[in-house]
C-alpha atoms as a PDB file:
ATOM      1  CA  MET A   1     171.388  69.968  -1.211  1.00  0.00           C
ATOM      2  CA  ALA A   2     169.205  67.464   0.576  1.00  0.00           C
ATOM      3  CA  GLN A   3     172.235  65.280   1.216  1.00  0.00           C
ATOM      4  CA  ALA A   4     174.138  68.209   2.739  1.00  0.00           C
ATOM      5  CA  THR A   5     171.165  69.041   4.950  1.00  0.00           C
ATOM      6  CA  GLY A   6     170.998  65.447   6.130  1.00  0.00           C
ATOM      7  CA  ILE A   7     174.708  65.441   6.963  1.00  0.00           C
ATOM      8  CA  VAL A   8     174.328  68.663   8.968  1.00  0.00           C
ATOM      9  CA  THR A   9     171.355  67.193  10.867  1.00  0.00           C
ATOM     10  CA  ILE A  10     173.210  63.975  11.669  1.00  0.00           C
ATOM     11  CA  THR A  11     176.277  65.937  12.765  1.00  0.00           C
ATOM     12  CA  ALA A  12     174.182  68.166  15.055  1.00  0.00           C
ATOM     13  CA  ALA A  13     172.434  65.172  16.579  1.00  0.00           C
ATOM     14  CA  THR A  14     175.747  63.407  17.143  1.00  0.00           C
ATOM     15  CA  THR A  15     177.188  66.530  18.744  1.00  0.00           C
ATOM     16  CA  ALA A  16     174.151  66.836  21.016  1.00  0.00           C
ATOM     17  CA  ARG A  17     174.469  63.205  22.057  1.00  0.00           C
ATOM     18  CA  ALA A  18     178.172  63.556  22.657  1.00  0.00           C
ATOM     19  CA  ALA A  19     177.819  66.684  24.836  1.00  0.00           C
ATOM     20  CA  PRO A  20     179.058  65.903  28.361  1.00  0.00           C
ATOM     21  CA  GLU A  21     176.454  65.815  31.093  1.00  0.00           C
ATOM     22  CA  PRO A  22     176.824  68.339  33.934  1.00  0.00           C
ATOM     23  CA  SER A  23     178.586  67.140  37.039  1.00  0.00           C
ATOM     24  CA  GLY A  24     179.159  68.315  40.571  1.00  0.00           C
ATOM     25  CA  TRP A  25     176.824  70.930  41.999  1.00  0.00           C
ATOM     26  CA  ARG A  26     175.144  71.487  38.608  1.00  0.00           C
ATOM     27  CA  ALA A  27     174.090  67.848  38.443  1.00  0.00           C
ATOM     28  CA  TRP A  28     172.906  68.059  42.046  1.00  0.00           C
ATOM     29  CA  LEU A  29     170.739  71.095  41.224  1.00  0.00           C
ATOM     30  CA  ARG A  30     169.157  69.213  38.319  1.00  0.00           C
ATOM     31  CA  GLN A  31     167.953  66.392  40.527  1.00  0.00           C
ATOM     32  CA  ALA A  32     164.200  66.096  40.924  1.00  0.00           C
ATOM     33  CA  GLY A  33     162.935  67.892  44.005  1.00  0.00           C
ATOM     34  CA  VAL A  34     166.034  69.964  44.778  1.00  0.00           C
ATOM     35  CA  LEU A  35     164.681  73.265  43.456  1.00  0.00           C
ATOM     36  CA  THR A  36     161.246  72.657  44.980  1.00  0.00           C
ATOM     37  CA  ALA A  37     162.846  71.874  48.360  1.00  0.00           C
ATOM     38  CA  LEU A  38     165.087  74.957  48.261  1.00  0.00           C
ATOM     39  CA  PRO A  39     162.509  77.401  49.777  1.00  0.00           C
ATOM     40  CA  MET A  40     161.860  75.045  52.709  1.00  0.00           C
ATOM     41  CA  ALA A  41     165.615  74.547  53.167  1.00  0.00           C
ATOM     42  CA  LEU A  42     166.134  78.320  53.328  1.00  0.00           C
ATOM     43  CA  LEU A  43     163.267  78.622  55.794  1.00  0.00           C
ATOM     44  CA  MET A  44     164.817  75.913  58.004  1.00  0.00           C
ATOM     45  CA  LEU A  45     168.191  77.662  57.868  1.00  0.00           C
ATOM     46  CA  ALA A  46     166.660  80.986  58.893  1.00  0.00           C
ATOM     47  CA  GLY A  47     164.224  79.678  61.478  1.00  0.00           C
ATOM     48  CA  PHE A  48     166.070  76.692  62.964  1.00  0.00           C
ATOM     49  CA  VAL A  49     169.799  76.613  62.241  1.00  0.00           C
ATOM     50  CA  ALA A  50     170.449  80.333  62.700  1.00  0.00           C
ATOM     51  CA  PRO A  51     168.831  80.534  66.190  1.00  0.00           C
ATOM     52  CA  LEU A  52     170.776  77.451  67.282  1.00  0.00           C
ATOM     53  CA  LEU A  53     174.039  79.023  66.126  1.00  0.00           C
ATOM     54  CA  LEU A  54     173.105  82.177  68.031  1.00  0.00           C
ATOM     55  CA  VAL A  55     172.482  80.151  71.197  1.00  0.00           C
ATOM     56  CA  VAL A  56     175.872  78.447  70.807  1.00  0.00           C
ATOM     57  CA  ALA A  57     177.565  81.826  70.332  1.00  0.00           C
ATOM     58  CA  PHE A  58     175.905  83.262  73.467  1.00  0.00           C
ATOM     59  CA  ALA A  59     177.006  80.220  75.489  1.00  0.00           C
ATOM     60  CA  PHE A  60     180.635  81.370  75.186  1.00  0.00           C
ATOM     61  CA  MET A  61     179.995  85.030  76.017  1.00  0.00           C
ATOM     62  CA  PRO A  62     180.780  86.560  79.461  1.00  0.00           C
ATOM     63  CA  PRO A  63     177.980  86.186  82.046  1.00  0.00           C
ATOM     64  CA  GLN A  64     175.238  88.820  82.171  1.00  0.00           C
ATOM     65  CA  SER A  65     176.122  90.074  78.678  1.00  0.00           C
ATOM     66  CA  PHE A  66     173.685  90.706  75.834  1.00  0.00           C
ATOM     67  CA  SER A  67     176.065  90.888  72.881  1.00  0.00           C
ATOM     68  CA  ILE A  68     178.063  88.254  70.988  1.00  0.00           C
ATOM     69  CA  LEU A  69     180.722  90.774  69.957  1.00  0.00           C
ATOM     70  CA  GLN A  70     182.967  89.958  72.916  1.00  0.00           C
ATOM     71  CA  PRO A  71     185.891  87.588  73.543  1.00  0.00           C
ATOM     72  CA  PRO A  72     184.656  84.007  74.129  1.00  0.00           C
ATOM     73  CA  THR A  73     184.968  82.418  77.561  1.00  0.00           C
ATOM     74  CA  LEU A  74     184.163  79.146  79.336  1.00  0.00           C
ATOM     75  CA  ALA A  75     182.985  80.891  82.499  1.00  0.00           C
ATOM     76  CA  ASN A  76     179.352  79.844  82.023  1.00  0.00           C
ATOM     77  CA  PHE A  77     180.168  76.139  81.778  1.00  0.00           C
ATOM     78  CA  GLN A  78     182.502  76.403  84.774  1.00  0.00           C
ATOM     79  CA  GLU A  79     179.761  78.019  86.847  1.00  0.00           C
ATOM     80  CA  ILE A  80     177.243  75.343  85.815  1.00  0.00           C
ATOM     81  CA  PHE A  81     179.414  72.506  87.089  1.00  0.00           C
ATOM     82  CA  ALA A  82     180.692  74.477  90.103  1.00  0.00           C
ATOM     83  CA  ASN A  83     177.196  75.241  91.387  1.00  0.00           C
ATOM     84  CA  SER A  84     174.136  73.025  91.665  1.00  0.00           C
ATOM     85  CA  PHE A  85     172.872  73.462  88.104  1.00  0.00           C
ATOM     86  CA  TYR A  86     174.108  70.017  87.138  1.00  0.00           C
ATOM     87  CA  ARG A  87     171.567  68.518  89.571  1.00  0.00           C
ATOM     88  CA  SER A  88     168.635  69.664  87.453  1.00  0.00           C
ATOM     89  CA  PHE A  89     170.472  68.325  84.419  1.00  0.00           C
ATOM     90  CA  LEU A  90     170.875  64.893  86.027  1.00  0.00           C
ATOM     91  CA  ALA A  91     167.270  64.988  87.273  1.00  0.00           C
ATOM     92  CA  SER A  92     166.081  65.632  83.734  1.00  0.00           C
ATOM     93  CA  LEU A  93     168.068  62.698  82.366  1.00  0.00           C
ATOM     94  CA  TYR A  94     166.847  60.400  85.145  1.00  0.00           C
ATOM     95  CA  LEU A  95     163.179  61.318  84.750  1.00  0.00           C
ATOM     96  CA  ALA A  96     163.404  61.159  80.957  1.00  0.00           C
ATOM     97  CA  ALA A  97     164.978  57.686  81.091  1.00  0.00           C
ATOM     98  CA  ALA A  98     162.361  56.468  83.603  1.00  0.00           C
ATOM     99  CA  THR A  99     159.559  57.928  81.485  1.00  0.00           C
ATOM    100  CA  THR A 100     160.903  56.229  78.358  1.00  0.00           C
ATOM    101  CA  LEU A 101     161.222  52.862  80.092  1.00  0.00           C
ATOM    102  CA  ILE A 102     157.716  52.997  81.610  1.00  0.00           C
ATOM    103  CA  CYS A 103     156.157  54.097  78.315  1.00  0.00           C
ATOM    104  CA  MET A 104     157.984  51.309  76.509  1.00  0.00           C
ATOM    105  CA  VAL A 105     156.684  48.644  78.898  1.00  0.00           C
ATOM    106  CA  VAL A 106     153.128  50.023  78.891  1.00  0.00           C
ATOM    107  CA  CYS A 107     152.869  50.724  75.161  1.00  0.00           C
ATOM    108  CA  TYR A 108     154.174  47.472  73.697  1.00  0.00           C
ATOM    109  CA  PRO A 109     151.161  45.291  74.702  1.00  0.00           C
ATOM    110  CA  VAL A 110     148.758  48.048  73.647  1.00  0.00           C
ATOM    111  CA  ALA A 111     150.524  48.564  70.309  1.00  0.00           C
ATOM    112  CA  TYR A 112     150.646  44.813  69.664  1.00  0.00           C
ATOM    113  CA  ALA A 113     146.923  44.486  70.403  1.00  0.00           C
ATOM    114  CA  MET A 114     146.071  47.427  68.146  1.00  0.00           C
ATOM    115  CA  VAL A 115     147.984  45.864  65.256  1.00  0.00           C
ATOM    116  CA  ARG A 116     147.201  42.154  65.698  1.00  0.00           C
ATOM    117  CA  VAL A 117     144.050  41.814  67.830  1.00  0.00           C
ATOM    118  CA  PHE A 118     141.637  44.741  67.866  1.00  0.00           C
ATOM    119  CA  GLY A 119     141.110  45.085  64.119  1.00  0.00           C
ATOM    120  CA  ARG A 120     138.655  47.879  63.286  1.00  0.00           C
ATOM    121  CA  VAL A 121     138.317  48.810  66.953  1.00  0.00           C
ATOM    122  CA  ALA A 122     141.974  49.944  66.858  1.00  0.00           C
ATOM    123  CA  GLY A 123     140.948  53.096  65.006  1.00  0.00           C
ATOM    124  CA  VAL A 124     138.510  54.049  67.762  1.00  0.00           C
ATOM    125  CA  LEU A 125     141.152  53.362  70.416  1.00  0.00           C
ATOM    126  CA  ALA A 126     143.699  55.470  68.530  1.00  0.00           C
ATOM    127  CA  LEU A 127     141.175  58.317  68.401  1.00  0.00           C
ATOM    128  CA  LEU A 128     140.594  58.089  72.152  1.00  0.00           C
ATOM    129  CA  ILE A 129     144.348  58.168  72.798  1.00  0.00           C
ATOM    130  CA  THR A 130     144.993  61.152  70.531  1.00  0.00           C
ATOM    131  CA  ALA A 131     141.934  63.170  71.611  1.00  0.00           C
ATOM    132  CA  PRO A 132     143.636  64.608  74.752  1.00  0.00           C
ATOM    133  CA  LEU A 133     146.442  65.950  72.551  1.00  0.00           C
ATOM    134  CA  PHE A 134     144.001  68.568  71.235  1.00  0.00           C
ATOM    135  CA  VAL A 135     143.824  70.056  74.736  1.00  0.00           C
ATOM    136  CA  ALA A 136     146.718  72.142  76.057  1.00  0.00           C
ATOM    137  CA  ASP A 137     149.146  70.348  78.363  1.00  0.00           C
ATOM    138  CA  ASN A 138     148.666  72.933  81.107  1.00  0.00           C
ATOM    139  CA  LEU A 139     144.908  72.359  81.254  1.00  0.00           C
ATOM    140  CA  ARG A 140     145.268  68.582  81.424  1.00  0.00           C
ATOM    141  CA  LEU A 141     147.947  68.793  84.096  1.00  0.00           C
ATOM    142  CA  VAL A 142     145.874  71.204  86.173  1.00  0.00           C
ATOM    143  CA  GLY A 143     143.103  68.621  86.042  1.00  0.00           C
ATOM    144  CA  TRP A 144     145.474  65.999  87.441  1.00  0.00           C
ATOM    145  CA  MET A 145     146.607  68.511  90.081  1.00  0.00           C
ATOM    146  CA  LEU A 146     143.011  68.867  91.277  1.00  0.00           C
ATOM    147  CA  PHE A 147     142.758  65.084  91.283  1.00  0.00           C
ATOM    148  CA  LEU A 148     145.920  64.475  93.356  1.00  0.00           C
ATOM    149  CA  VAL A 149     145.919  67.445  95.735  1.00  0.00           C
ATOM    150  CA  LYS A 150     144.975  66.958  99.387  1.00  0.00           C
ATOM    151  CA  GLY A 151     141.222  67.360  99.688  1.00  0.00           C
ATOM    152  CA  GLY A 152     140.917  66.830  95.937  1.00  0.00           C
ATOM    153  CA  VAL A 153     139.029  64.196  93.968  1.00  0.00           C
ATOM    154  CA  LEU A 154     141.190  61.194  94.932  1.00  0.00           C
ATOM    155  CA  SER A 155     141.676  61.910  98.642  1.00  0.00           C
ATOM    156  CA  GLY A 156     138.081  63.073  99.009  1.00  0.00           C
ATOM    157  CA  ALA A 157     136.740  59.877  97.402  1.00  0.00           C
ATOM    158  CA  LEU A 158     138.951  57.668  99.570  1.00  0.00           C
ATOM    159  CA  GLN A 159     137.873  59.542 102.689  1.00  0.00           C
ATOM    160  CA  ALA A 160     134.166  59.439 101.821  1.00  0.00           C
ATOM    161  CA  TRP A 161     133.964  55.835 100.616  1.00  0.00           C
ATOM    162  CA  PHE A 162     136.555  53.993 102.676  1.00  0.00           C
ATOM    163  CA  GLY A 163     137.399  56.357 105.541  1.00  0.00           C
ATOM    164  CA  ILE A 164     141.054  56.526 104.425  1.00  0.00           C
ATOM    165  CA  ALA A 165     142.803  59.828 105.038  1.00  0.00           C
ATOM    166  CA  THR A 166     145.624  60.584 102.597  1.00  0.00           C
ATOM    167  CA  ASP A 167     148.080  63.415 102.227  1.00  0.00           C
ATOM    168  CA  SER A 168     148.657  65.337  99.041  1.00  0.00           C
ATOM    169  CA  MET A 169     150.334  63.345  96.290  1.00  0.00           C
ATOM    170  CA  LEU A 170     151.449  66.512  94.550  1.00  0.00           C
ATOM    171  CA  TYR A 171     154.916  68.055  94.475  1.00  0.00           C
ATOM    172  CA  THR A 172     156.766  64.747  94.469  1.00  0.00           C
ATOM    173  CA  VAL A 173     158.994  62.928  92.021  1.00  0.00           C
ATOM    174  CA  SER A 174     156.294  60.279  91.581  1.00  0.00           C
ATOM    175  CA  ALA A 175     153.683  62.862  90.587  1.00  0.00           C
ATOM    176  CA  THR A 176     156.094  64.448  88.123  1.00  0.00           C
ATOM    177  CA  LEU A 177     156.955  61.064  86.624  1.00  0.00           C
ATOM    178  CA  PHE A 178     153.263  60.240  86.317  1.00  0.00           C
ATOM    179  CA  GLY A 179     152.661  63.520  84.479  1.00  0.00           C
ATOM    180  CA  LEU A 180     155.549  62.848  82.093  1.00  0.00           C
ATOM    181  CA  VAL A 181     154.300  59.339  81.295  1.00  0.00           C
ATOM    182  CA  TYR A 182     150.745  60.588  80.820  1.00  0.00           C
ATOM    183  CA  THR A 183     151.803  63.423  78.501  1.00  0.00           C
ATOM    184  CA  TYR A 184     154.349  61.642  76.308  1.00  0.00           C
ATOM    185  CA  LEU A 185     152.864  58.127  76.121  1.00  0.00           C
ATOM    186  CA  PRO A 186     151.350  58.701  72.620  1.00  0.00           C
ATOM    187  CA  PHE A 187     154.781  59.651  71.282  1.00  0.00           C
ATOM    188  CA  MET A 188     155.984  56.162  72.201  1.00  0.00           C
ATOM    189  CA  LEU A 189     152.823  54.307  71.216  1.00  0.00           C
ATOM    190  CA  PHE A 190     152.382  55.303  67.591  1.00  0.00           C
ATOM    191  CA  PRO A 191     155.988  54.752  66.409  1.00  0.00           C
ATOM    192  CA  MET A 192     155.816  51.394  68.188  1.00  0.00           C
ATOM    193  CA  ILE A 193     152.632  50.568  66.263  1.00  0.00           C
ATOM    194  CA  MET A 194     154.499  51.368  63.060  1.00  0.00           C
ATOM    195  CA  GLY A 195     157.359  49.065  64.061  1.00  0.00           C
ATOM    196  CA  ILE A 196     155.088  46.152  64.993  1.00  0.00           C
ATOM    197  CA  ALA A 197     153.140  46.540  61.744  1.00  0.00           C
ATOM    198  CA  MET A 198     156.438  46.040  59.850  1.00  0.00           C
ATOM    199  CA  VAL A 199     156.828  42.480  61.217  1.00  0.00           C
ATOM    200  CA  PRO A 200     155.697  40.019  58.480  1.00  0.00           C
ATOM    201  CA  LEU A 201     153.059  37.555  59.633  1.00  0.00           C
ATOM    202  CA  GLU A 202     154.670  34.867  57.472  1.00  0.00           C
ATOM    203  CA  MET A 203     157.879  35.070  59.475  1.00  0.00           C
ATOM    204  CA  ARG A 204     156.016  34.672  62.764  1.00  0.00           C
ATOM    205  CA  GLU A 205     154.064  31.700  61.394  1.00  0.00           C
ATOM    206  CA  ALA A 206     157.275  30.124  60.128  1.00  0.00           C
ATOM    207  CA  ALA A 207     158.839  30.492  63.580  1.00  0.00           C
ATOM    208  CA  PHE A 208     155.842  28.787  65.194  1.00  0.00           C
ATOM    209  CA  ASP A 209     155.948  26.004  62.577  1.00  0.00           C
ATOM    210  CA  LEU A 210     159.597  25.365  63.453  1.00  0.00           C
ATOM    211  CA  GLY A 211     158.646  24.819  67.103  1.00  0.00           C
ATOM    212  CA  ALA A 212     159.380  28.230  68.609  1.00  0.00           C
ATOM    213  CA  THR A 213     157.495  29.236  71.736  1.00  0.00           C
ATOM    214  CA  ARG A 214     155.657  32.531  72.132  1.00  0.00           C
ATOM    215  CA  TRP A 215     158.545  33.908  74.203  1.00  0.00           C
ATOM    216  CA  GLN A 216     161.072  32.886  71.548  1.00  0.00           C
ATOM    217  CA  VAL A 217     159.005  34.476  68.777  1.00  0.00           C
ATOM    218  CA  LEU A 218     158.731  37.654  70.837  1.00  0.00           C
ATOM    219  CA  LYS A 219     162.465  37.743  71.586  1.00  0.00           C
ATOM    220  CA  GLU A 220     163.834  36.561  68.235  1.00  0.00           C
ATOM    221  CA  VAL A 221     161.265  37.852  65.720  1.00  0.00           C
ATOM    222  CA  ASP A 222     158.819  40.464  67.003  1.00  0.00           C
ATOM    223  CA  ILE A 223     161.106  42.773  68.984  1.00  0.00           C
ATOM    224  CA  PRO A 224     164.135  42.734  66.607  1.00  0.00           C
ATOM    225  CA  LEU A 225     161.996  43.449  63.525  1.00  0.00           C
ATOM    226  CA  ALA A 226     159.938  46.093  65.348  1.00  0.00           C
ATOM    227  CA  MET A 227     163.078  47.728  66.755  1.00  0.00           C
ATOM    228  CA  PRO A 228     163.103  50.711  64.310  1.00  0.00           C
ATOM    229  CA  GLY A 229     159.703  51.861  65.570  1.00  0.00           C
ATOM    230  CA  ILE A 230     160.656  51.170  69.179  1.00  0.00           C
ATOM    231  CA  LEU A 231     163.861  53.188  68.899  1.00  0.00           C
ATOM    232  CA  ILE A 232     162.126  56.108  67.177  1.00  0.00           C
ATOM    233  CA  GLY A 233     159.479  56.189  69.915  1.00  0.00           C
ATOM    234  CA  ALA A 234     162.119  55.940  72.635  1.00  0.00           C
ATOM    235  CA  LEU A 235     164.120  58.780  71.090  1.00  0.00           C
ATOM    236  CA  MET A 236     161.098  61.068  70.783  1.00  0.00           C
ATOM    237  CA  THR A 237     159.885  60.293  74.300  1.00  0.00           C
ATOM    238  CA  PHE A 238     163.295  60.779  75.919  1.00  0.00           C
ATOM    239  CA  ILE A 239     164.034  64.096  74.230  1.00  0.00           C
ATOM    240  CA  LEU A 240     160.560  65.519  74.890  1.00  0.00           C
ATOM    241  CA  ALA A 241     160.567  64.367  78.515  1.00  0.00           C
ATOM    242  CA  ALA A 242     164.084  65.684  79.155  1.00  0.00           C
ATOM    243  CA  GLY A 243     162.992  69.145  78.002  1.00  0.00           C
ATOM    244  CA  ALA A 244     159.658  69.116  79.845  1.00  0.00           C
ATOM    245  CA  LEU A 245     158.623  72.319  81.590  1.00  0.00           C
ATOM    246  CA  SER A 246     154.933  72.145  82.517  1.00  0.00           C
ATOM    247  CA  GLU A 247     154.984  68.745  84.237  1.00  0.00           C
ATOM    248  CA  PRO A 248     157.636  69.505  86.896  1.00  0.00           C
ATOM    249  CA  ARG A 249     156.266  72.996  87.468  1.00  0.00           C
ATOM    250  CA  ILE A 250     152.613  71.973  87.968  1.00  0.00           C
ATOM    251  CA  LEU A 251     152.951  68.501  89.496  1.00  0.00           C
ATOM    252  CA  GLY A 252     156.440  68.739  91.002  1.00  0.00           C
ATOM    253  CA  GLY A 253     156.476  72.237  92.416  1.00  0.00           C
ATOM    254  CA  SER A 254     159.739  73.329  93.985  1.00  0.00           C
ATOM    255  CA  SER A 255     160.676  69.763  94.964  1.00  0.00           C
ATOM    256  CA  VAL A 256     161.427  68.758  91.352  1.00  0.00           C
ATOM    257  CA  VAL A 257     163.529  71.077  89.205  1.00  0.00           C
ATOM    258  CA  MET A 258     164.404  70.040  85.656  1.00  0.00           C
ATOM    259  CA  ILE A 259     166.787  71.612  83.206  1.00  0.00           C
ATOM    260  CA  ALA A 260     164.075  73.455  81.240  1.00  0.00           C
ATOM    261  CA  GLN A 261     163.098  75.369  84.391  1.00  0.00           C
ATOM    262  CA  ASP A 262     166.682  76.496  84.972  1.00  0.00           C
ATOM    263  CA  ILE A 263     166.995  77.557  81.335  1.00  0.00           C
ATOM    264  CA  GLN A 264     163.795  79.585  81.523  1.00  0.00           C
ATOM    265  CA  ASN A 265     164.854  81.222  84.791  1.00  0.00           C
ATOM    266  CA  GLU A 266     168.207  82.261  83.340  1.00  0.00           C
ATOM    267  CA  PHE A 267     166.620  83.771  80.244  1.00  0.00           C
ATOM    268  CA  THR A 268     163.829  85.575  82.145  1.00  0.00           C
ATOM    269  CA  PHE A 269     164.240  86.328  85.853  1.00  0.00           C
ATOM    270  CA  ALA A 270     168.049  86.220  86.042  1.00  0.00           C
ATOM    271  CA  GLN A 271     168.513  87.927  82.649  1.00  0.00           C
ATOM    272  CA  ASN A 272     171.659  85.850  82.152  1.00  0.00           C
ATOM    273  CA  TRP A 273     171.417  84.820  78.515  1.00  0.00           C
ATOM    274  CA  PRO A 274     174.926  83.328  78.308  1.00  0.00           C
ATOM    275  CA  LYS A 275     174.307  80.877  81.173  1.00  0.00           C
ATOM    276  CA  GLY A 276     170.891  79.944  79.797  1.00  0.00           C
ATOM    277  CA  SER A 277     172.517  79.360  76.421  1.00  0.00           C
ATOM    278  CA  ALA A 278     175.228  77.211  78.004  1.00  0.00           C
ATOM    279  CA  LEU A 279     172.592  75.047  79.691  1.00  0.00           C
ATOM    280  CA  SER A 280     170.775  74.765  76.362  1.00  0.00           C
ATOM    281  CA  VAL A 281     173.963  73.735  74.568  1.00  0.00           C
ATOM    282  CA  LEU A 282     174.595  70.941  77.079  1.00  0.00           C
ATOM    283  CA  MET A 283     171.059  69.653  76.551  1.00  0.00           C
ATOM    284  CA  ILE A 284     171.415  69.882  72.766  1.00  0.00           C
ATOM    285  CA  LEU A 285     174.676  67.919  72.901  1.00  0.00           C
ATOM    286  CA  VAL A 286     173.105  65.097  74.912  1.00  0.00           C
ATOM    287  CA  ALA A 287     170.056  64.959  72.631  1.00  0.00           C
ATOM    288  CA  GLY A 288     172.228  65.130  69.514  1.00  0.00           C
ATOM    289  CA  VAL A 289     174.569  62.341  70.596  1.00  0.00           C
ATOM    290  CA  LEU A 290     171.604  60.162  71.537  1.00  0.00           C
ATOM    291  CA  ALA A 291     169.810  60.864  68.257  1.00  0.00           C
ATOM    292  CA  VAL A 292     172.868  60.124  66.109  1.00  0.00           C
ATOM    293  CA  THR A 293     173.607  56.927  68.044  1.00  0.00           C
ATOM    294  CA  LEU A 294     170.076  55.571  67.690  1.00  0.00           C
ATOM    295  CA  LEU A 295     169.489  56.709  64.115  1.00  0.00           C
ATOM    296  CA  ARG A 296     172.613  54.873  62.997  1.00  0.00           C
ATOM    297  CA  ARG A 297     170.920  51.671  64.172  1.00  0.00           C
ATOM    298  CA  ILE A 298     167.712  52.363  62.217  1.00  0.00           C
ATOM    299  CA  ASP A 299     167.262  51.518  58.543  1.00  0.00           C
ATOM    300  CA  LEU A 300     165.399  54.654  57.500  1.00  0.00           C
ATOM    301  CA  ASP A 301     165.593  53.719  53.807  1.00  0.00           C
ATOM    302  CA  GLY A 302     163.787  50.482  54.555  1.00  0.00           C
ATOM    303  CA  ILE A 303     161.141  52.254  56.640  1.00  0.00           C
ATOM    304  CA  PHE A 304     160.370  54.778  53.893  1.00  0.00           C
ATOM    305  CA  GLY A 305     160.411  52.093  51.196  1.00  0.00           C
ATOM    306  CA  ARG A 306     163.386  53.452  49.292  1.00  0.00           C
ATOM    307  CA  ARG A 307     164.926  50.008  49.003  1.00  0.00           C
END
């Protein structure tokens, strides 16, 4: 009897070991973290993907319509390129590219110093840089408007101290560009700090030992190895600056019109949701192509330590 029981137990264990493991979607569901991530995935689908799909659907609806249950048309895109709407689109790309380039040039020395030179003081400097982010953009930009306006802080100080009379510096491309750089500089700085911190000190020391100059180490070691952080910062800065709304409105006035202003006008004052959606789709396409192009050059697995 005991022998028969032992045979049954061995047979059951062998059968359990020989049972095929689930494959396909069942195996995917059994992976660690999939079930716990499912609520957030559903929330992203409902709150992010679904509105984007709705915007894309409205982009192909007839102008001045408020329903997606109509035959699709390309009239909105034709009107965008036939009229002057493409100018605000090009202005947004130009200002975003200029903002990204200026932030890149300004932030690299600061990021390098915060990683390699300042030591414990870097934490205090990081706090000072991030502190303005706790204040609304509109309030900070209004402060700069009072500083740059004719008769404001800057022109009044120049007139009182040096007898120099200046006109208003507001409502120009330069003022708008300054506001964009001021607002989005932290979004370039901190990813760049992450990239510079990834450069091994041993590799830099080895390059110096082999006779490399500071310029050669910068060009051949520092920048290539810090490139993931630089590209992430550039991507974030460009996309945020291209979709800026407060900076051109407060500091640029009517002389600088960016794509976000046209989109807002179409959705509000003009009540033309299809055209506003078409403008949004064009901006999403540019941002998406740029993001995919840059992210393919970044080793995200290496950054997150997965290999």
